[in-house]
Amino acid sequence: MGYSTEFRGTIRIENMNLDIARKLKPFMGADKRDLRGHLSPKEQKDLPFYHFDIELSDDMDGLKWNGSEKTYGMAEMLNFLADKLGFVFKDGDYLLAQGEDFDDRYQLVVMNGKVAKAAVAEIGKPIVCPHCESKFIPGESV
C-alpha cells in the first residue's frame, strides 16, 4: 500500500478559454503511459508522476484534484501542464494538502503563475520570518 494525500481547493487559470479546456481534456485522470499522442516518449519516461489526477473546477475556470488515491507530484503535474499547454495560473490561489499523517500538511500556492509547495504555519507555534528573521506566533496580533 502507498501513501495518500488529499487536496482541497481550486487553482484558477488566468487565461482560461475553450481552447485550453480542449487541450486539458485528454490529460484529466489519464495515466502518462497512455498519452502517446500528447506526450513525447521522453516526457512519458521523465515525468515524476504517473497520473494526471486533476479535473476542471465546478466553475470551469481552473483545476482541482479529482479525488484519486496515491496522488504524487501535484505541483510538478500542474506546472508541467501550464508550460506544455501555454496557460498561467492565478496568483494567490492554492490547494490545501493533507497526508495520512496528521503533521503532513502543506499548501500548493501560485506565485508568479507557477505552483510551489509552502508550509502551513501552525497557530500557537513560533516561526521565523525568512526575510527579517524576527520571531512571531501566527494568529497573535502585533
N, C-alpha and C. Protein backbone atom coordinates (compact mmCIF):
# COMPACT_ATOMS: atom_id res chain seq x y z
N MET A 1 0.84 -1.18 0.00
CA MET A 1 0.00 0.00 0.00
C MET A 1 0.88 1.24 0.00
N GLY A 2 0.41 2.26 -0.66
CA GLY A 2 1.13 3.52 -0.72
C GLY A 2 0.53 4.54 0.23
N TYR A 3 1.01 5.73 0.11
CA TYR A 3 0.62 6.83 0.98
C TYR A 3 -0.32 7.75 0.20
N SER A 4 -1.40 8.19 0.83
CA SER A 4 -2.35 9.06 0.15
C SER A 4 -2.33 10.47 0.71
N THR A 5 -2.51 11.42 -0.17
CA THR A 5 -2.65 12.83 0.19
C THR A 5 -3.91 13.35 -0.46
N GLU A 6 -4.69 14.12 0.29
CA GLU A 6 -5.90 14.75 -0.24
C GLU A 6 -5.62 16.23 -0.49
N PHE A 7 -6.25 16.79 -1.52
CA PHE A 7 -6.08 18.19 -1.88
C PHE A 7 -7.45 18.86 -1.92
N ARG A 8 -7.54 20.03 -1.32
CA ARG A 8 -8.79 20.80 -1.33
C ARG A 8 -8.53 22.17 -1.94
N GLY A 9 -9.49 22.61 -2.74
CA GLY A 9 -9.40 23.94 -3.34
C GLY A 9 -9.30 23.86 -4.85
N THR A 10 -9.16 25.02 -5.44
CA THR A 10 -9.09 25.17 -6.89
C THR A 10 -7.98 26.14 -7.23
N ILE A 11 -7.27 25.83 -8.29
CA ILE A 11 -6.30 26.77 -8.83
C ILE A 11 -6.83 27.22 -10.18
N ARG A 12 -7.16 28.50 -10.24
CA ARG A 12 -7.76 29.04 -11.46
C ARG A 12 -6.70 29.34 -12.52
N ILE A 13 -7.13 29.29 -13.76
CA ILE A 13 -6.27 29.58 -14.91
C ILE A 13 -6.62 30.99 -15.38
N GLU A 14 -5.61 31.88 -15.39
CA GLU A 14 -5.81 33.29 -15.77
C GLU A 14 -6.44 33.43 -17.15
N ASN A 15 -5.91 32.74 -18.11
CA ASN A 15 -6.33 32.89 -19.50
C ASN A 15 -7.20 31.72 -19.96
N MET A 16 -8.04 31.20 -19.07
CA MET A 16 -8.88 30.03 -19.40
C MET A 16 -9.83 30.37 -20.54
N ASN A 17 -9.91 29.46 -21.49
CA ASN A 17 -10.85 29.57 -22.59
C ASN A 17 -11.16 28.17 -23.11
N LEU A 18 -12.03 28.08 -24.07
CA LEU A 18 -12.45 26.78 -24.59
C LEU A 18 -11.30 26.00 -25.20
N ASP A 19 -10.37 26.69 -25.85
CA ASP A 19 -9.23 26.01 -26.46
C ASP A 19 -8.36 25.34 -25.39
N ILE A 20 -8.10 26.03 -24.28
CA ILE A 20 -7.31 25.43 -23.19
C ILE A 20 -8.05 24.25 -22.59
N ALA A 21 -9.36 24.38 -22.39
CA ALA A 21 -10.16 23.27 -21.85
C ALA A 21 -10.07 22.05 -22.75
N ARG A 22 -10.11 22.26 -24.07
CA ARG A 22 -9.98 21.14 -25.02
C ARG A 22 -8.60 20.49 -24.93
N LYS A 23 -7.56 21.31 -24.78
CA LYS A 23 -6.19 20.78 -24.66
C LYS A 23 -6.01 20.00 -23.36
N LEU A 24 -6.68 20.44 -22.29
CA LEU A 24 -6.57 19.77 -20.98
C LEU A 24 -7.30 18.43 -20.94
N LYS A 25 -8.38 18.32 -21.69
CA LYS A 25 -9.28 17.16 -21.59
C LYS A 25 -8.57 15.80 -21.66
N PRO A 26 -7.65 15.56 -22.61
CA PRO A 26 -7.01 14.24 -22.66
C PRO A 26 -6.18 13.90 -21.43
N PHE A 27 -5.71 14.92 -20.71
CA PHE A 27 -4.84 14.69 -19.56
C PHE A 27 -5.63 14.37 -18.28
N MET A 28 -6.85 14.83 -18.19
CA MET A 28 -7.63 14.69 -16.96
C MET A 28 -7.86 13.24 -16.58
N GLY A 29 -7.26 12.83 -15.46
CA GLY A 29 -7.41 11.47 -14.96
C GLY A 29 -6.60 10.43 -15.71
N ALA A 30 -5.78 10.85 -16.67
CA ALA A 30 -5.06 9.91 -17.52
C ALA A 30 -3.74 9.46 -16.90
N ASP A 31 -3.33 8.27 -17.29
CA ASP A 31 -2.01 7.73 -16.97
C ASP A 31 -1.05 8.23 -18.05
N LYS A 32 0.11 8.75 -17.64
CA LYS A 32 1.05 9.31 -18.61
C LYS A 32 1.47 8.29 -19.66
N ARG A 33 1.45 7.02 -19.31
CA ARG A 33 1.88 5.97 -20.25
C ARG A 33 0.85 5.74 -21.35
N ASP A 34 -0.37 6.28 -21.17
CA ASP A 34 -1.42 6.12 -22.17
C ASP A 34 -1.59 7.36 -23.04
N LEU A 35 -0.70 8.33 -22.92
CA LEU A 35 -0.84 9.60 -23.65
C LEU A 35 0.17 9.73 -24.77
N ARG A 36 0.36 8.67 -25.52
CA ARG A 36 1.37 8.66 -26.58
C ARG A 36 1.20 9.80 -27.58
N GLY A 37 -0.02 10.15 -27.93
CA GLY A 37 -0.24 11.23 -28.90
C GLY A 37 -0.07 12.62 -28.31
N HIS A 38 0.02 12.71 -26.99
CA HIS A 38 0.09 14.01 -26.32
C HIS A 38 1.41 14.25 -25.61
N LEU A 39 2.13 13.18 -25.30
CA LEU A 39 3.43 13.30 -24.63
C LEU A 39 4.49 12.61 -25.46
N SER A 40 5.68 13.18 -25.47
CA SER A 40 6.79 12.53 -26.16
C SER A 40 7.25 11.33 -25.32
N PRO A 41 7.97 10.37 -25.92
CA PRO A 41 8.50 9.25 -25.13
C PRO A 41 9.37 9.72 -23.97
N LYS A 42 10.14 10.79 -24.18
CA LYS A 42 10.98 11.33 -23.10
C LYS A 42 10.11 11.87 -21.97
N GLU A 43 9.05 12.60 -22.29
CA GLU A 43 8.15 13.10 -21.25
C GLU A 43 7.51 11.95 -20.49
N GLN A 44 7.07 10.93 -21.23
CA GLN A 44 6.44 9.78 -20.58
C GLN A 44 7.41 9.13 -19.59
N LYS A 45 8.67 9.07 -19.95
CA LYS A 45 9.67 8.43 -19.10
C LYS A 45 10.11 9.32 -17.94
N ASP A 46 10.29 10.62 -18.19
CA ASP A 46 10.93 11.51 -17.21
C ASP A 46 10.00 12.20 -16.22
N LEU A 47 8.72 12.27 -16.50
CA LEU A 47 7.82 12.97 -15.57
C LEU A 47 7.82 12.26 -14.21
N PRO A 48 7.87 13.02 -13.10
CA PRO A 48 7.99 12.41 -11.76
C PRO A 48 6.66 11.93 -11.17
N PHE A 49 5.69 11.67 -12.00
CA PHE A 49 4.39 11.16 -11.56
C PHE A 49 3.83 10.29 -12.68
N TYR A 50 2.83 9.48 -12.37
CA TYR A 50 2.24 8.60 -13.38
C TYR A 50 0.88 9.07 -13.86
N HIS A 51 0.11 9.66 -12.97
CA HIS A 51 -1.27 10.03 -13.31
C HIS A 51 -1.50 11.52 -13.21
N PHE A 52 -2.34 12.03 -14.08
CA PHE A 52 -2.79 13.41 -14.03
C PHE A 52 -4.09 13.43 -13.23
N ASP A 53 -3.96 13.51 -11.91
CA ASP A 53 -5.10 13.39 -11.00
C ASP A 53 -5.82 14.73 -10.82
N ILE A 54 -6.31 15.26 -11.94
CA ILE A 54 -6.97 16.56 -11.93
C ILE A 54 -8.26 16.49 -12.74
N GLU A 55 -9.10 17.51 -12.51
CA GLU A 55 -10.31 17.71 -13.31
C GLU A 55 -10.60 19.20 -13.34
N LEU A 56 -11.49 19.60 -14.25
CA LEU A 56 -11.89 21.00 -14.29
C LEU A 56 -12.68 21.34 -13.04
N SER A 57 -12.52 22.56 -12.55
CA SER A 57 -13.28 23.02 -11.38
C SER A 57 -14.76 23.12 -11.76
N ASP A 58 -15.61 23.21 -10.74
CA ASP A 58 -17.05 23.31 -10.97
C ASP A 58 -17.41 24.51 -11.83
N ASP A 59 -16.68 25.61 -11.67
CA ASP A 59 -16.93 26.82 -12.47
C ASP A 59 -16.22 26.78 -13.82
N MET A 60 -15.48 25.71 -14.08
CA MET A 60 -14.75 25.51 -15.33
C MET A 60 -13.74 26.63 -15.61
N ASP A 61 -13.19 27.20 -14.52
CA ASP A 61 -12.22 28.27 -14.69
C ASP A 61 -10.84 27.89 -14.17
N GLY A 62 -10.68 26.61 -13.77
CA GLY A 62 -9.40 26.17 -13.24
C GLY A 62 -9.38 24.67 -13.03
N LEU A 63 -8.43 24.23 -12.20
CA LEU A 63 -8.22 22.80 -11.97
C LEU A 63 -8.33 22.48 -10.49
N LYS A 64 -8.78 21.27 -10.20
CA LYS A 64 -8.83 20.76 -8.84
C LYS A 64 -8.47 19.28 -8.87
N TRP A 65 -8.19 18.74 -7.70
CA TRP A 65 -7.87 17.32 -7.54
C TRP A 65 -9.12 16.51 -7.85
N ASN A 66 -8.94 15.36 -8.50
CA ASN A 66 -10.09 14.53 -8.89
C ASN A 66 -10.44 13.46 -7.86
N GLY A 67 -9.79 13.45 -6.71
CA GLY A 67 -10.12 12.50 -5.65
C GLY A 67 -9.39 11.17 -5.74
N SER A 68 -8.47 11.02 -6.67
CA SER A 68 -7.75 9.76 -6.82
C SER A 68 -6.85 9.48 -5.63
N GLU A 69 -6.72 8.20 -5.31
CA GLU A 69 -5.79 7.80 -4.27
C GLU A 69 -4.37 7.86 -4.81
N LYS A 70 -3.44 7.98 -3.89
CA LYS A 70 -2.00 7.89 -4.19
C LYS A 70 -1.55 8.95 -5.21
N THR A 71 -2.02 10.17 -5.06
CA THR A 71 -1.60 11.25 -5.94
C THR A 71 -0.21 11.71 -5.55
N TYR A 72 0.69 11.73 -6.50
CA TYR A 72 2.07 12.16 -6.28
C TYR A 72 2.43 13.26 -7.28
N GLY A 73 3.28 14.18 -6.87
CA GLY A 73 3.81 15.19 -7.79
C GLY A 73 2.79 16.19 -8.29
N MET A 74 1.85 16.60 -7.44
CA MET A 74 0.79 17.52 -7.89
C MET A 74 1.36 18.84 -8.40
N ALA A 75 2.30 19.45 -7.67
CA ALA A 75 2.88 20.73 -8.13
C ALA A 75 3.58 20.56 -9.47
N GLU A 76 4.37 19.51 -9.60
CA GLU A 76 5.07 19.25 -10.86
C GLU A 76 4.09 19.00 -12.00
N MET A 77 3.02 18.28 -11.70
CA MET A 77 1.99 17.98 -12.71
C MET A 77 1.34 19.27 -13.22
N LEU A 78 0.93 20.13 -12.28
CA LEU A 78 0.26 21.38 -12.65
C LEU A 78 1.20 22.29 -13.45
N ASN A 79 2.43 22.43 -13.00
CA ASN A 79 3.39 23.28 -13.71
C ASN A 79 3.73 22.72 -15.09
N PHE A 80 3.84 21.39 -15.19
CA PHE A 80 4.09 20.77 -16.50
C PHE A 80 2.97 21.11 -17.48
N LEU A 81 1.72 20.96 -17.03
CA LEU A 81 0.58 21.25 -17.91
C LEU A 81 0.56 22.72 -18.33
N ALA A 82 0.82 23.62 -17.39
CA ALA A 82 0.82 25.05 -17.72
C ALA A 82 1.88 25.36 -18.78
N ASP A 83 3.07 24.80 -18.61
CA ASP A 83 4.15 25.04 -19.57
C ASP A 83 3.83 24.41 -20.93
N LYS A 84 3.36 23.18 -20.91
CA LYS A 84 3.10 22.45 -22.15
C LYS A 84 1.94 23.03 -22.95
N LEU A 85 0.89 23.44 -22.24
CA LEU A 85 -0.33 23.89 -22.92
C LEU A 85 -0.44 25.41 -23.02
N GLY A 86 0.50 26.13 -22.43
CA GLY A 86 0.55 27.58 -22.61
C GLY A 86 -0.47 28.37 -21.81
N PHE A 87 -0.66 28.04 -20.55
CA PHE A 87 -1.54 28.86 -19.72
C PHE A 87 -0.84 29.26 -18.43
N VAL A 88 -1.46 30.18 -17.70
CA VAL A 88 -0.89 30.74 -16.48
C VAL A 88 -1.90 30.60 -15.36
N PHE A 89 -1.44 30.19 -14.19
CA PHE A 89 -2.31 30.10 -13.03
C PHE A 89 -2.46 31.46 -12.36
N LYS A 90 -3.58 31.65 -11.66
CA LYS A 90 -3.89 32.92 -10.98
C LYS A 90 -3.12 33.01 -9.67
N ASP A 91 -2.29 34.02 -9.55
CA ASP A 91 -1.50 34.23 -8.33
C ASP A 91 -2.40 34.31 -7.10
N GLY A 92 -1.94 33.70 -6.03
CA GLY A 92 -2.67 33.71 -4.76
C GLY A 92 -3.57 32.52 -4.56
N ASP A 93 -3.94 31.81 -5.63
CA ASP A 93 -4.76 30.61 -5.48
C ASP A 93 -3.91 29.51 -4.86
N TYR A 94 -4.56 28.55 -4.21
CA TYR A 94 -3.81 27.48 -3.57
C TYR A 94 -4.68 26.24 -3.36
N LEU A 95 -3.99 25.13 -3.18
CA LEU A 95 -4.61 23.87 -2.77
C LEU A 95 -4.07 23.55 -1.38
N LEU A 96 -4.93 23.13 -0.48
CA LEU A 96 -4.50 22.64 0.82
C LEU A 96 -4.28 21.15 0.69
N ALA A 97 -3.15 20.66 1.17
CA ALA A 97 -2.81 19.24 1.09
C ALA A 97 -2.75 18.65 2.48
N GLN A 98 -3.35 17.47 2.64
CA GLN A 98 -3.32 16.75 3.92
C GLN A 98 -2.99 15.30 3.64
N GLY A 99 -1.83 14.87 4.17
CA GLY A 99 -1.44 13.48 4.04
C GLY A 99 -2.10 12.63 5.10
N GLU A 100 -1.80 11.34 5.09
CA GLU A 100 -2.37 10.43 6.07
C GLU A 100 -1.89 10.75 7.49
N ASP A 101 -0.65 11.22 7.62
CA ASP A 101 -0.12 11.62 8.91
C ASP A 101 -0.64 13.02 9.25
N PHE A 102 -1.06 13.23 10.49
CA PHE A 102 -1.63 14.50 10.91
C PHE A 102 -0.71 15.68 10.62
N ASP A 103 0.59 15.51 10.86
CA ASP A 103 1.54 16.60 10.67
C ASP A 103 1.92 16.83 9.21
N ASP A 104 1.47 15.98 8.31
CA ASP A 104 1.80 16.11 6.89
C ASP A 104 0.77 17.03 6.22
N ARG A 105 0.96 18.33 6.43
CA ARG A 105 0.08 19.35 5.86
C ARG A 105 0.93 20.40 5.17
N TYR A 106 0.46 20.84 4.01
CA TYR A 106 1.14 21.90 3.29
C TYR A 106 0.18 22.53 2.29
N GLN A 107 0.63 23.57 1.63
CA GLN A 107 -0.16 24.22 0.59
C GLN A 107 0.60 24.18 -0.72
N LEU A 108 -0.12 24.13 -1.80
CA LEU A 108 0.45 24.36 -3.12
C LEU A 108 -0.07 25.74 -3.53
N VAL A 109 0.82 26.72 -3.54
CA VAL A 109 0.47 28.12 -3.72
C VAL A 109 0.94 28.61 -5.08
N VAL A 110 0.13 29.44 -5.74
CA VAL A 110 0.52 30.02 -7.03
C VAL A 110 1.23 31.35 -6.78
N MET A 111 2.47 31.41 -7.23
CA MET A 111 3.27 32.64 -7.17
C MET A 111 3.89 32.85 -8.55
N ASN A 112 3.69 34.02 -9.11
CA ASN A 112 4.21 34.35 -10.45
C ASN A 112 3.74 33.33 -11.48
N GLY A 113 2.49 32.89 -11.35
CA GLY A 113 1.89 31.99 -12.33
C GLY A 113 2.28 30.54 -12.20
N LYS A 114 3.15 30.20 -11.24
CA LYS A 114 3.62 28.83 -11.05
C LYS A 114 3.21 28.30 -9.69
N VAL A 115 3.08 26.99 -9.59
CA VAL A 115 2.68 26.34 -8.34
C VAL A 115 3.92 25.93 -7.57
N ALA A 116 3.94 26.28 -6.26
CA ALA A 116 5.06 25.94 -5.40
C ALA A 116 4.54 25.41 -4.08
N LYS A 117 5.30 24.50 -3.47
CA LYS A 117 4.93 23.93 -2.18
C LYS A 117 5.32 24.90 -1.07
N ALA A 118 4.41 25.11 -0.12
CA ALA A 118 4.66 26.01 1.01
C ALA A 118 4.15 25.36 2.28
N ALA A 119 4.86 25.60 3.37
CA ALA A 119 4.45 25.06 4.67
C ALA A 119 3.20 25.77 5.16
N VAL A 120 2.44 25.07 5.98
CA VAL A 120 1.28 25.66 6.64
C VAL A 120 1.70 25.98 8.07
N ALA A 121 1.60 27.24 8.43
CA ALA A 121 2.01 27.66 9.78
C ALA A 121 0.99 27.15 10.79
N GLU A 122 1.49 26.60 11.88
CA GLU A 122 0.61 26.13 12.95
C GLU A 122 0.36 27.27 13.93
N ILE A 123 -0.90 27.53 14.21
CA ILE A 123 -1.26 28.58 15.15
C ILE A 123 -0.71 28.21 16.53
N GLY A 124 -0.07 29.18 17.18
CA GLY A 124 0.44 28.96 18.52
C GLY A 124 1.91 28.55 18.59
N LYS A 125 2.49 28.17 17.46
CA LYS A 125 3.91 27.80 17.44
C LYS A 125 4.71 28.93 16.82
N PRO A 126 5.82 29.33 17.45
CA PRO A 126 6.61 30.43 16.89
C PRO A 126 7.29 30.02 15.57
N ILE A 127 7.33 30.97 14.65
CA ILE A 127 8.05 30.76 13.40
C ILE A 127 8.98 31.95 13.18
N VAL A 128 9.95 31.79 12.28
CA VAL A 128 10.91 32.84 11.98
C VAL A 128 10.64 33.35 10.58
N CYS A 129 10.52 34.68 10.46
CA CYS A 129 10.31 35.30 9.16
C CYS A 129 11.54 35.06 8.28
N PRO A 130 11.36 34.53 7.06
CA PRO A 130 12.51 34.26 6.20
C PRO A 130 13.18 35.53 5.68
N HIS A 131 12.50 36.67 5.78
CA HIS A 131 13.06 37.92 5.26
C HIS A 131 13.81 38.71 6.33
N CYS A 132 13.16 38.94 7.48
CA CYS A 132 13.78 39.79 8.52
C CYS A 132 14.29 39.00 9.72
N GLU A 133 14.02 37.69 9.74
CA GLU A 133 14.47 36.77 10.78
C GLU A 133 13.89 37.06 12.17
N SER A 134 12.82 37.86 12.25
CA SER A 134 12.17 38.07 13.55
C SER A 134 11.23 36.90 13.83
N LYS A 135 11.04 36.60 15.11
CA LYS A 135 10.17 35.51 15.52
C LYS A 135 8.79 36.06 15.84
N PHE A 136 7.75 35.29 15.47
CA PHE A 136 6.39 35.66 15.84
C PHE A 136 5.54 34.40 15.88
N ILE A 137 4.36 34.52 16.46
CA ILE A 137 3.43 33.41 16.56
C ILE A 137 2.23 33.71 15.67
N PRO A 138 1.97 32.89 14.64
CA PRO A 138 0.81 33.13 13.78
C PRO A 138 -0.48 33.17 14.60
N GLY A 139 -1.33 34.12 14.27
CA GLY A 139 -2.60 34.23 14.97
C GLY A 139 -2.56 35.25 16.09
N GLU A 140 -1.37 35.66 16.53
CA GLU A 140 -1.25 36.69 17.56
C GLU A 140 -1.22 38.06 16.90
N SER A 141 -1.90 39.02 17.52
CA SER A 141 -1.82 40.37 16.99
C SER A 141 -0.51 41.01 17.44
N VAL A 142 -0.02 41.89 16.62
CA VAL A 142 1.28 42.52 16.90
C VAL A 142 1.11 43.76 17.73
